[in-house]
Amino acid sequence: MPWLRATVCLNIGWMVGGHARLCGGPILLDDEVLIQGHARISGDVVIEHQVEITDDALIEALNGEAIHLRGRKLINGAGHITRTPLAGFLSP
């Protein structure tokens, strides 16, 4: 699977298609997850319960961080989800 360069746990009801890329890990896909188009997912990411990621969307968890997407969602277009340390954002 050339699109898969990750430690991935794939449970029931998931589909990855198109030119989507999964990198890094661990990545967990569970319960009606659809990833397609040129979407990219990297790092420690959990995606579950009717989440659709399409087009050029990017989900990126940096080292030491985790992202959990849950519940009915559509992430598409040029959507970019990342987790940034809040403490650094609030510093003077």
PDB file of N, CA and C in Angstrom:
ATOM      1  N   MET A   1       0.824  -1.169   0.000  1.00  0.00           N
ATOM      2  CA  MET A   1       0.000   0.000   0.000  1.00  0.00           C
ATOM      3  C   MET A   1       0.881   1.250   0.000  1.00  0.00           C
ATOM      4  N   PRO A   2       1.116   1.883  -1.140  1.00  0.00           N
ATOM      5  CA  PRO A   2       2.013   3.031  -1.216  1.00  0.00           C
ATOM      6  C   PRO A   2       1.505   4.258  -0.474  1.00  0.00           C
ATOM      7  N   TRP A   3       0.219   4.365  -0.237  1.00  0.00           N
ATOM      8  CA  TRP A   3      -0.337   5.514   0.470  1.00  0.00           C
ATOM      9  C   TRP A   3      -0.178   5.402   1.971  1.00  0.00           C
ATOM     10  N   LEU A   4       0.287   4.268   2.448  1.00  0.00           N
ATOM     11  CA  LEU A   4       0.343   4.008   3.882  1.00  0.00           C
ATOM     12  C   LEU A   4       1.784   3.932   4.360  1.00  0.00           C
ATOM     13  N   ARG A   5       2.220   4.909   5.117  1.00  0.00           N
ATOM     14  CA  ARG A   5       3.550   4.929   5.719  1.00  0.00           C
ATOM     15  C   ARG A   5       3.373   5.265   7.194  1.00  0.00           C
ATOM     16  N   ALA A   6       2.618   4.419   7.881  1.00  0.00           N
ATOM     17  CA  ALA A   6       2.264   4.744   9.260  1.00  0.00           C
ATOM     18  C   ALA A   6       1.980   3.483  10.051  1.00  0.00           C
ATOM     19  N   THR A   7       1.961   3.649  11.372  1.00  0.00           N
ATOM     20  CA  THR A   7       1.439   2.616  12.250  1.00  0.00           C
ATOM     21  C   THR A   7      -0.045   2.904  12.367  1.00  0.00           C
ATOM     22  N   VAL A   8      -0.884   2.085  11.740  1.00  0.00           N
ATOM     23  CA  VAL A   8      -2.308   2.386  11.652  1.00  0.00           C
ATOM     24  C   VAL A   8      -3.120   1.227  12.195  1.00  0.00           C
ATOM     25  N   CYS A   9      -4.146   1.562  12.973  1.00  0.00           N
ATOM     26  CA  CYS A   9      -5.127   0.583  13.425  1.00  0.00           C
ATOM     27  C   CYS A   9      -6.419   0.895  12.683  1.00  0.00           C
ATOM     28  N   LEU A  10      -6.848  -0.005  11.828  1.00  0.00           N
ATOM     29  CA  LEU A  10      -8.037   0.204  11.020  1.00  0.00           C
ATOM     30  C   LEU A  10      -9.145  -0.706  11.535  1.00  0.00           C
ATOM     31  N   ASN A  11     -10.193  -0.116  12.072  1.00  0.00           N
ATOM     32  CA  ASN A  11     -11.302  -0.893  12.599  1.00  0.00           C
ATOM     33  C   ASN A  11     -12.448  -0.885  11.602  1.00  0.00           C
ATOM     34  N   ILE A  12     -13.666  -1.109  12.058  1.00  0.00           N
ATOM     35  CA  ILE A  12     -14.799  -1.280  11.157  1.00  0.00           C
ATOM     36  C   ILE A  12     -15.169  -0.006  10.406  1.00  0.00           C
ATOM     37  N   GLY A  13     -15.621  -0.149   9.185  1.00  0.00           N
ATOM     38  CA  GLY A  13     -16.244   0.910   8.421  1.00  0.00           C
ATOM     39  C   GLY A  13     -15.357   2.057   7.986  1.00  0.00           C
ATOM     40  N   TRP A  14     -14.166   1.809   7.551  1.00  0.00           N
ATOM     41  CA  TRP A  14     -13.284   2.884   7.095  1.00  0.00           C
ATOM     42  C   TRP A  14     -12.970   2.679   5.627  1.00  0.00           C
ATOM     43  N   MET A  15     -12.603   3.776   4.930  1.00  0.00           N
ATOM     44  CA  MET A  15     -12.195   3.665   3.540  1.00  0.00           C
ATOM     45  C   MET A  15     -11.189   4.774   3.229  1.00  0.00           C
ATOM     46  N   VAL A  16     -10.078   4.407   2.618  1.00  0.00           N
ATOM     47  CA  VAL A  16      -9.063   5.362   2.182  1.00  0.00           C
ATOM     48  C   VAL A  16      -8.922   5.192   0.676  1.00  0.00           C
ATOM     49  N   GLY A  17      -9.066   6.305  -0.074  1.00  0.00           N
ATOM     50  CA  GLY A  17      -9.002   6.194  -1.521  1.00  0.00           C
ATOM     51  C   GLY A  17      -8.363   7.406  -2.160  1.00  0.00           C
ATOM     52  N   GLY A  18      -8.359   7.419  -3.485  1.00  0.00           N
ATOM     53  CA  GLY A  18      -7.751   8.522  -4.227  1.00  0.00           C
ATOM     54  C   GLY A  18      -6.249   8.547  -4.015  1.00  0.00           C
ATOM     55  N   HIS A  19      -5.708   9.717  -3.773  1.00  0.00           N
ATOM     56  CA  HIS A  19      -4.274   9.889  -3.543  1.00  0.00           C
ATOM     57  C   HIS A  19      -3.994  10.243  -2.089  1.00  0.00           C
ATOM     58  N   ALA A  20      -4.899   9.890  -1.193  1.00  0.00           N
ATOM     59  CA  ALA A  20      -4.743  10.211   0.229  1.00  0.00           C
ATOM     60  C   ALA A  20      -3.493   9.535   0.790  1.00  0.00           C
ATOM     61  N   ARG A  21      -2.838  10.212   1.770  1.00  0.00           N
ATOM     62  CA  ARG A  21      -1.600   9.681   2.364  1.00  0.00           C
ATOM     63  C   ARG A  21      -1.706   9.700   3.880  1.00  0.00           C
ATOM     64  N   LEU A  22      -1.323   8.576   4.478  1.00  0.00           N
ATOM     65  CA  LEU A  22      -1.259   8.452   5.932  1.00  0.00           C
ATOM     66  C   LEU A  22       0.206   8.255   6.299  1.00  0.00           C
ATOM     67  N   CYS A  23       0.761   9.113   7.155  1.00  0.00           N
ATOM     68  CA  CYS A  23       2.181   9.061   7.517  1.00  0.00           C
ATOM     69  C   CYS A  23       2.349   9.167   9.022  1.00  0.00           C
ATOM     70  N   GLY A  24       3.404   8.541   9.524  1.00  0.00           N
ATOM     71  CA  GLY A  24       3.697   8.650  10.961  1.00  0.00           C
ATOM     72  C   GLY A  24       2.877   7.678  11.770  1.00  0.00           C
ATOM     73  N   GLY A  25       2.293   8.164  12.816  1.00  0.00           N
ATOM     74  CA  GLY A  25       1.419   7.313  13.598  1.00  0.00           C
ATOM     75  C   GLY A  25       1.773   7.355  15.063  1.00  0.00           C
ATOM     76  N   PRO A  26       1.000   6.706  15.881  1.00  0.00           N
ATOM     77  CA  PRO A  26      -0.100   5.815  15.495  1.00  0.00           C
ATOM     78  C   PRO A  26      -1.316   6.593  14.991  1.00  0.00           C
ATOM     79  N   ILE A  27      -2.007   5.996  14.024  1.00  0.00           N
ATOM     80  CA  ILE A  27      -3.238   6.559  13.481  1.00  0.00           C
ATOM     81  C   ILE A  27      -4.330   5.517  13.673  1.00  0.00           C
ATOM     82  N   LEU A  28      -5.477   5.934  14.224  1.00  0.00           N
ATOM     83  CA  LEU A  28      -6.612   5.035  14.429  1.00  0.00           C
ATOM     84  C   LEU A  28      -7.785   5.539  13.607  1.00  0.00           C
ATOM     85  N   LEU A  29      -8.329   4.687  12.741  1.00  0.00           N
ATOM     86  CA  LEU A  29      -9.525   4.993  11.959  1.00  0.00           C
ATOM     87  C   LEU A  29     -10.610   4.016  12.378  1.00  0.00           C
ATOM     88  N   ASP A  30     -11.786   4.540  12.775  1.00  0.00           N
ATOM     89  CA  ASP A  30     -12.826   3.658  13.301  1.00  0.00           C
ATOM     90  C   ASP A  30     -14.214   4.213  12.995  1.00  0.00           C
ATOM     91  N   ASP A  31     -15.134   3.361  12.595  1.00  0.00           N
ATOM     92  CA  ASP A  31     -16.567   3.637  12.473  1.00  0.00           C
ATOM     93  C   ASP A  31     -16.899   4.699  11.426  1.00  0.00           C
ATOM     94  N   GLU A  32     -17.003   4.280  10.191  1.00  0.00           N
ATOM     95  CA  GLU A  32     -17.441   5.105   9.075  1.00  0.00           C
ATOM     96  C   GLU A  32     -16.553   6.323   8.837  1.00  0.00           C
ATOM     97  N   VAL A  33     -15.273   6.085   8.651  1.00  0.00           N
ATOM     98  CA  VAL A  33     -14.312   7.141   8.324  1.00  0.00           C
ATOM     99  C   VAL A  33     -13.984   7.038   6.837  1.00  0.00           C
ATOM    100  N   LEU A  34     -14.064   8.167   6.134  1.00  0.00           N
ATOM    101  CA  LEU A  34     -13.751   8.214   4.709  1.00  0.00           C
ATOM    102  C   LEU A  34     -12.635   9.228   4.492  1.00  0.00           C
ATOM    103  N   ILE A  35     -11.550   8.790   3.876  1.00  0.00           N
ATOM    104  CA  ILE A  35     -10.427   9.668   3.557  1.00  0.00           C
ATOM    105  C   ILE A  35     -10.154   9.500   2.070  1.00  0.00           C
ATOM    106  N   GLN A  36     -10.207  10.611   1.320  1.00  0.00           N
ATOM    107  CA  GLN A  36     -10.034  10.511  -0.125  1.00  0.00           C
ATOM    108  C   GLN A  36      -9.471  11.801  -0.695  1.00  0.00           C
ATOM    109  N   GLY A  37      -9.309  11.823  -2.008  1.00  0.00           N
ATOM    110  CA  GLY A  37      -8.709  12.981  -2.663  1.00  0.00           C
ATOM    111  C   GLY A  37      -7.218  13.007  -2.410  1.00  0.00           C
ATOM    112  N   HIS A  38      -6.678  14.177  -2.119  1.00  0.00           N
ATOM    113  CA  HIS A  38      -5.257  14.334  -1.807  1.00  0.00           C
ATOM    114  C   HIS A  38      -5.065  14.634  -0.324  1.00  0.00           C
ATOM    115  N   ALA A  39      -5.994  14.192   0.505  1.00  0.00           N
ATOM    116  CA  ALA A  39      -5.921  14.440   1.947  1.00  0.00           C
ATOM    117  C   ALA A  39      -4.659  13.808   2.528  1.00  0.00           C
ATOM    118  N   ARG A  40      -4.084  14.470   3.551  1.00  0.00           N
ATOM    119  CA  ARG A  40      -2.883  13.956   4.218  1.00  0.00           C
ATOM    120  C   ARG A  40      -3.112  13.944   5.721  1.00  0.00           C
ATOM    121  N   ILE A  41      -2.743  12.842   6.350  1.00  0.00           N
ATOM    122  CA  ILE A  41      -2.859  12.695   7.798  1.00  0.00           C
ATOM    123  C   ILE A  41      -1.513  12.234   8.314  1.00  0.00           C
ATOM    124  N   SER A  42      -1.007  12.914   9.346  1.00  0.00           N
ATOM    125  CA  SER A  42       0.285  12.511   9.890  1.00  0.00           C
ATOM    126  C   SER A  42       0.317  12.719  11.395  1.00  0.00           C
ATOM    127  N   GLY A  43       1.118  11.878  12.054  1.00  0.00           N
ATOM    128  CA  GLY A  43       1.302  11.976  13.498  1.00  0.00           C
ATOM    129  C   GLY A  43       0.328  11.109  14.270  1.00  0.00           C
ATOM    130  N   ASP A  44       0.169  11.408  15.550  1.00  0.00           N
ATOM    131  CA  ASP A  44      -0.691  10.665  16.473  1.00  0.00           C
ATOM    132  C   ASP A  44      -2.119  11.184  16.324  1.00  0.00           C
ATOM    133  N   VAL A  45      -2.929  10.495  15.508  1.00  0.00           N
ATOM    134  CA  VAL A  45      -4.265  10.975  15.166  1.00  0.00           C
ATOM    135  C   VAL A  45      -5.284   9.856  15.364  1.00  0.00           C
ATOM    136  N   VAL A  46      -6.408  10.190  16.016  1.00  0.00           N
ATOM    137  CA  VAL A  46      -7.541   9.277  16.169  1.00  0.00           C
ATOM    138  C   VAL A  46      -8.718   9.907  15.434  1.00  0.00           C
ATOM    139  N   ILE A  47      -9.310   9.169  14.505  1.00  0.00           N
ATOM    140  CA  ILE A  47     -10.456   9.654  13.735  1.00  0.00           C
ATOM    141  C   ILE A  47     -11.545   8.598  13.844  1.00  0.00           C
ATOM    142  N   GLU A  48     -12.731   9.006  14.344  1.00  0.00           N
ATOM    143  CA  GLU A  48     -13.790   8.015  14.535  1.00  0.00           C
ATOM    144  C   GLU A  48     -15.179   8.636  14.435  1.00  0.00           C
ATOM    145  N   HIS A  49     -16.138   7.797  14.151  1.00  0.00           N
ATOM    146  CA  HIS A  49     -17.570   8.108  14.150  1.00  0.00           C
ATOM    147  C   HIS A  49     -17.978   9.121  13.086  1.00  0.00           C
ATOM    148  N   GLN A  50     -18.029   8.680  11.848  1.00  0.00           N
ATOM    149  CA  GLN A  50     -18.591   9.414  10.719  1.00  0.00           C
ATOM    150  C   GLN A  50     -17.844  10.702  10.383  1.00  0.00           C
ATOM    151  N   VAL A  51     -16.546  10.595  10.201  1.00  0.00           N
ATOM    152  CA  VAL A  51     -15.721  11.734   9.789  1.00  0.00           C
ATOM    153  C   VAL A  51     -15.306  11.522   8.337  1.00  0.00           C
ATOM    154  N   GLU A  52     -15.465  12.568   7.523  1.00  0.00           N
ATOM    155  CA  GLU A  52     -15.081  12.512   6.113  1.00  0.00           C
ATOM    156  C   GLU A  52     -14.013  13.575   5.857  1.00  0.00           C
ATOM    157  N   ILE A  53     -12.866  13.147   5.328  1.00  0.00           N
ATOM    158  CA  ILE A  53     -11.747  14.045   5.043  1.00  0.00           C
ATOM    159  C   ILE A  53     -11.440  13.925   3.556  1.00  0.00           C
ATOM    160  N   THR A  54     -11.568  15.035   2.823  1.00  0.00           N
ATOM    161  CA  THR A  54     -11.442  14.979   1.365  1.00  0.00           C
ATOM    162  C   THR A  54     -10.605  16.135   0.825  1.00  0.00           C
ATOM    163  N   ASP A  55     -10.460  16.150  -0.477  1.00  0.00           N
ATOM    164  CA  ASP A  55      -9.745  17.191  -1.223  1.00  0.00           C
ATOM    165  C   ASP A  55      -8.299  17.304  -0.741  1.00  0.00           C
ATOM    166  N   ASP A  56      -7.835  18.501  -0.416  1.00  0.00           N
ATOM    167  CA  ASP A  56      -6.449  18.725   0.008  1.00  0.00           C
ATOM    168  C   ASP A  56      -6.335  18.954   1.511  1.00  0.00           C
ATOM    169  N   ALA A  57      -7.284  18.462   2.273  1.00  0.00           N
ATOM    170  CA  ALA A  57      -7.275  18.668   3.727  1.00  0.00           C
ATOM    171  C   ALA A  57      -6.023  18.055   4.354  1.00  0.00           C
ATOM    172  N   LEU A  58      -5.539  18.684   5.428  1.00  0.00           N
ATOM    173  CA  LEU A  58      -4.343  18.225   6.127  1.00  0.00           C
ATOM    174  C   LEU A  58      -4.641  18.135   7.618  1.00  0.00           C
ATOM    175  N   ILE A  59      -4.415  16.964   8.198  1.00  0.00           N
ATOM    176  CA  ILE A  59      -4.516  16.750   9.641  1.00  0.00           C
ATOM    177  C   ILE A  59      -3.110  16.393  10.092  1.00  0.00           C
ATOM    178  N   GLU A  60      -2.516  17.217  10.945  1.00  0.00           N
ATOM    179  CA  GLU A  60      -1.111  17.035  11.293  1.00  0.00           C
ATOM    180  C   GLU A  60      -0.910  17.204  12.797  1.00  0.00           C
ATOM    181  N   ALA A  61      -0.525  16.113  13.461  1.00  0.00           N
ATOM    182  CA  ALA A  61      -0.174  16.171  14.884  1.00  0.00           C
ATOM    183  C   ALA A  61       1.345  16.224  14.985  1.00  0.00           C
ATOM    184  N   LEU A  62       1.852  17.246  15.636  1.00  0.00           N
ATOM    185  CA  LEU A  62       3.295  17.403  15.784  1.00  0.00           C
ATOM    186  C   LEU A  62       3.822  16.434  16.835  1.00  0.00           C
ATOM    187  N   ASN A  63       5.137  16.268  16.912  1.00  0.00           N
ATOM    188  CA  ASN A  63       5.741  15.344  17.880  1.00  0.00           C
ATOM    189  C   ASN A  63       5.280  15.663  19.295  1.00  0.00           C
ATOM    190  N   GLY A  64       4.850  14.631  20.013  1.00  0.00           N
ATOM    191  CA  GLY A  64       4.417  14.799  21.391  1.00  0.00           C
ATOM    192  C   GLY A  64       2.989  15.292  21.546  1.00  0.00           C
ATOM    193  N   GLU A  65       2.301  15.567  20.471  1.00  0.00           N
ATOM    194  CA  GLU A  65       0.918  16.041  20.496  1.00  0.00           C
ATOM    195  C   GLU A  65       0.012  14.974  19.891  1.00  0.00           C
ATOM    196  N   ALA A  66      -1.275  15.049  20.198  1.00  0.00           N
ATOM    197  CA  ALA A  66      -2.251  14.116  19.638  1.00  0.00           C
ATOM    198  C   ALA A  66      -3.483  14.892  19.197  1.00  0.00           C
ATOM    199  N   ILE A  67      -4.138  14.414  18.152  1.00  0.00           N
ATOM    200  CA  ILE A  67      -5.382  15.015  17.666  1.00  0.00           C
ATOM    201  C   ILE A  67      -6.443  13.926  17.653  1.00  0.00           C
ATOM    202  N   HIS A  68      -7.640  14.252  18.170  1.00  0.00           N
ATOM    203  CA  HIS A  68      -8.758  13.315  18.207  1.00  0.00           C
ATOM    204  C   HIS A  68      -9.947  13.988  17.522  1.00  0.00           C
ATOM    205  N   LEU A  69     -10.360  13.463  16.370  1.00  0.00           N
ATOM    206  CA  LEU A  69     -11.532  13.955  15.647  1.00  0.00           C
ATOM    207  C   LEU A  69     -12.642  12.940  15.824  1.00  0.00           C
ATOM    208  N   ARG A  70     -13.779  13.396  16.345  1.00  0.00           N
ATOM    209  CA  ARG A  70     -14.856  12.457  16.647  1.00  0.00           C
ATOM    210  C   ARG A  70     -16.196  13.107  16.337  1.00  0.00           C
ATOM    211  N   GLY A  71     -17.101  12.303  15.840  1.00  0.00           N
ATOM    212  CA  GLY A  71     -18.442  12.790  15.543  1.00  0.00           C
ATOM    213  C   GLY A  71     -18.555  13.239  14.102  1.00  0.00           C
ATOM    214  N   ARG A  72     -19.772  13.399  13.654  1.00  0.00           N
ATOM    215  CA  ARG A  72     -20.055  13.704  12.252  1.00  0.00           C
ATOM    216  C   ARG A  72     -19.387  15.018  11.844  1.00  0.00           C
ATOM    217  N   LYS A  73     -18.405  14.910  10.937  1.00  0.00           N
ATOM    218  CA  LYS A  73     -17.664  16.084  10.463  1.00  0.00           C
ATOM    219  C   LYS A  73     -17.297  15.894   8.998  1.00  0.00           C
ATOM    220  N   LEU A  74     -17.203  17.000   8.292  1.00  0.00           N
ATOM    221  CA  LEU A  74     -16.685  17.013   6.931  1.00  0.00           C
ATOM    222  C   LEU A  74     -15.545  18.022   6.910  1.00  0.00           C
ATOM    223  N   ILE A  75     -14.349  17.548   6.618  1.00  0.00           N
ATOM    224  CA  ILE A  75     -13.170  18.403   6.514  1.00  0.00           C
ATOM    225  C   ILE A  75     -12.721  18.309   5.066  1.00  0.00           C
ATOM    226  N   ASN A  76     -12.801  19.441   4.343  1.00  0.00           N
ATOM    227  CA  ASN A  76     -12.497  19.379   2.912  1.00  0.00           C
ATOM    228  C   ASN A  76     -11.792  20.643   2.451  1.00  0.00           C
ATOM    229  N   GLY A  77     -11.603  20.737   1.152  1.00  0.00           N
ATOM    230  CA  GLY A  77     -10.935  21.903   0.589  1.00  0.00           C
ATOM    231  C   GLY A  77      -9.504  21.995   1.069  1.00  0.00           C
ATOM    232  N   ALA A  78      -9.127  23.176   1.471  1.00  0.00           N
ATOM    233  CA  ALA A  78      -7.769  23.398   1.961  1.00  0.00           C
ATOM    234  C   ALA A  78      -7.757  23.433   3.485  1.00  0.00           C
ATOM    235  N   GLY A  79      -8.695  22.743   4.131  1.00  0.00           N
ATOM    236  CA  GLY A  79      -8.746  22.705   5.594  1.00  0.00           C
ATOM    237  C   GLY A  79      -7.462  22.149   6.182  1.00  0.00           C
ATOM    238  N   HIS A  80      -6.997  22.773   7.263  1.00  0.00           N
ATOM    239  CA  HIS A  80      -5.742  22.362   7.894  1.00  0.00           C
ATOM    240  C   HIS A  80      -5.982  22.310   9.397  1.00  0.00           C
ATOM    241  N   ILE A  81      -5.844  21.134   9.976  1.00  0.00           N
ATOM    242  CA  ILE A  81      -6.005  20.972  11.415  1.00  0.00           C
ATOM    243  C   ILE A  81      -4.666  20.564  11.991  1.00  0.00           C
ATOM    244  N   THR A  82      -4.215  21.334  12.960  1.00  0.00           N
ATOM    245  CA  THR A  82      -2.979  21.017  13.655  1.00  0.00           C
ATOM    246  C   THR A  82      -3.169  21.408  15.109  1.00  0.00           C
ATOM    247  N   ARG A  83      -2.314  20.928  15.961  1.00  0.00           N
ATOM    248  CA  ARG A  83      -2.413  21.270  17.375  1.00  0.00           C
ATOM    249  C   ARG A  83      -1.163  22.057  17.732  1.00  0.00           C
ATOM    250  N   THR A  84      -1.361  23.255  18.267  1.00  0.00           N
ATOM    251  CA  THR A  84      -0.226  24.078  18.662  1.00  0.00           C
ATOM    252  C   THR A  84      -0.257  24.288  20.165  1.00  0.00           C
ATOM    253  N   PRO A  85       0.890  24.382  20.797  1.00  0.00           N
ATOM    254  CA  PRO A  85       0.935  24.601  22.246  1.00  0.00           C
ATOM    255  C   PRO A  85       0.326  25.957  22.604  1.00  0.00           C
ATOM    256  N   LEU A  86      -0.698  25.959  23.420  1.00  0.00           N
ATOM    257  CA  LEU A  86      -1.390  27.178  23.805  1.00  0.00           C
ATOM    258  C   LEU A  86      -0.509  28.080  24.660  1.00  0.00           C
ATOM    259  N   ALA A  87       0.327  27.511  25.513  1.00  0.00           N
ATOM    260  CA  ALA A  87       1.169  28.316  26.402  1.00  0.00           C
ATOM    261  C   ALA A  87       2.072  29.270  25.616  1.00  0.00           C
ATOM    262  N   GLY A  88       2.653  28.817  24.542  1.00  0.00           N
ATOM    263  CA  GLY A  88       3.501  29.668  23.720  1.00  0.00           C
ATOM    264  C   GLY A  88       2.722  30.781  23.042  1.00  0.00           C
ATOM    265  N   PHE A  89       1.468  30.524  22.742  1.00  0.00           N
ATOM    266  CA  PHE A  89       0.614  31.507  22.101  1.00  0.00           C
ATOM    267  C   PHE A  89       0.286  32.655  23.050  1.00  0.00           C
ATOM    268  N   LEU A  90       0.157  32.364  24.342  1.00  0.00           N
ATOM    269  CA  LEU A  90      -0.235  33.372  25.320  1.00  0.00           C
ATOM    270  C   LEU A  90       0.936  34.131  25.929  1.00  0.00           C
ATOM    271  N   SER A  91       2.146  33.719  25.666  1.00  0.00           N
ATOM    272  CA  SER A  91       3.317  34.380  26.256  1.00  0.00           C
ATOM    273  C   SER A  91       3.462  35.805  25.727  1.00  0.00           C
ATOM    274  N   PRO A  92       3.918  36.755  26.594  1.00  0.00           N
ATOM    275  CA  PRO A  92       4.078  38.149  26.149  1.00  0.00           C
ATOM    276  C   PRO A  92       5.233  38.302  25.183  1.00  0.00           C
TER     277      PRO A  92
END
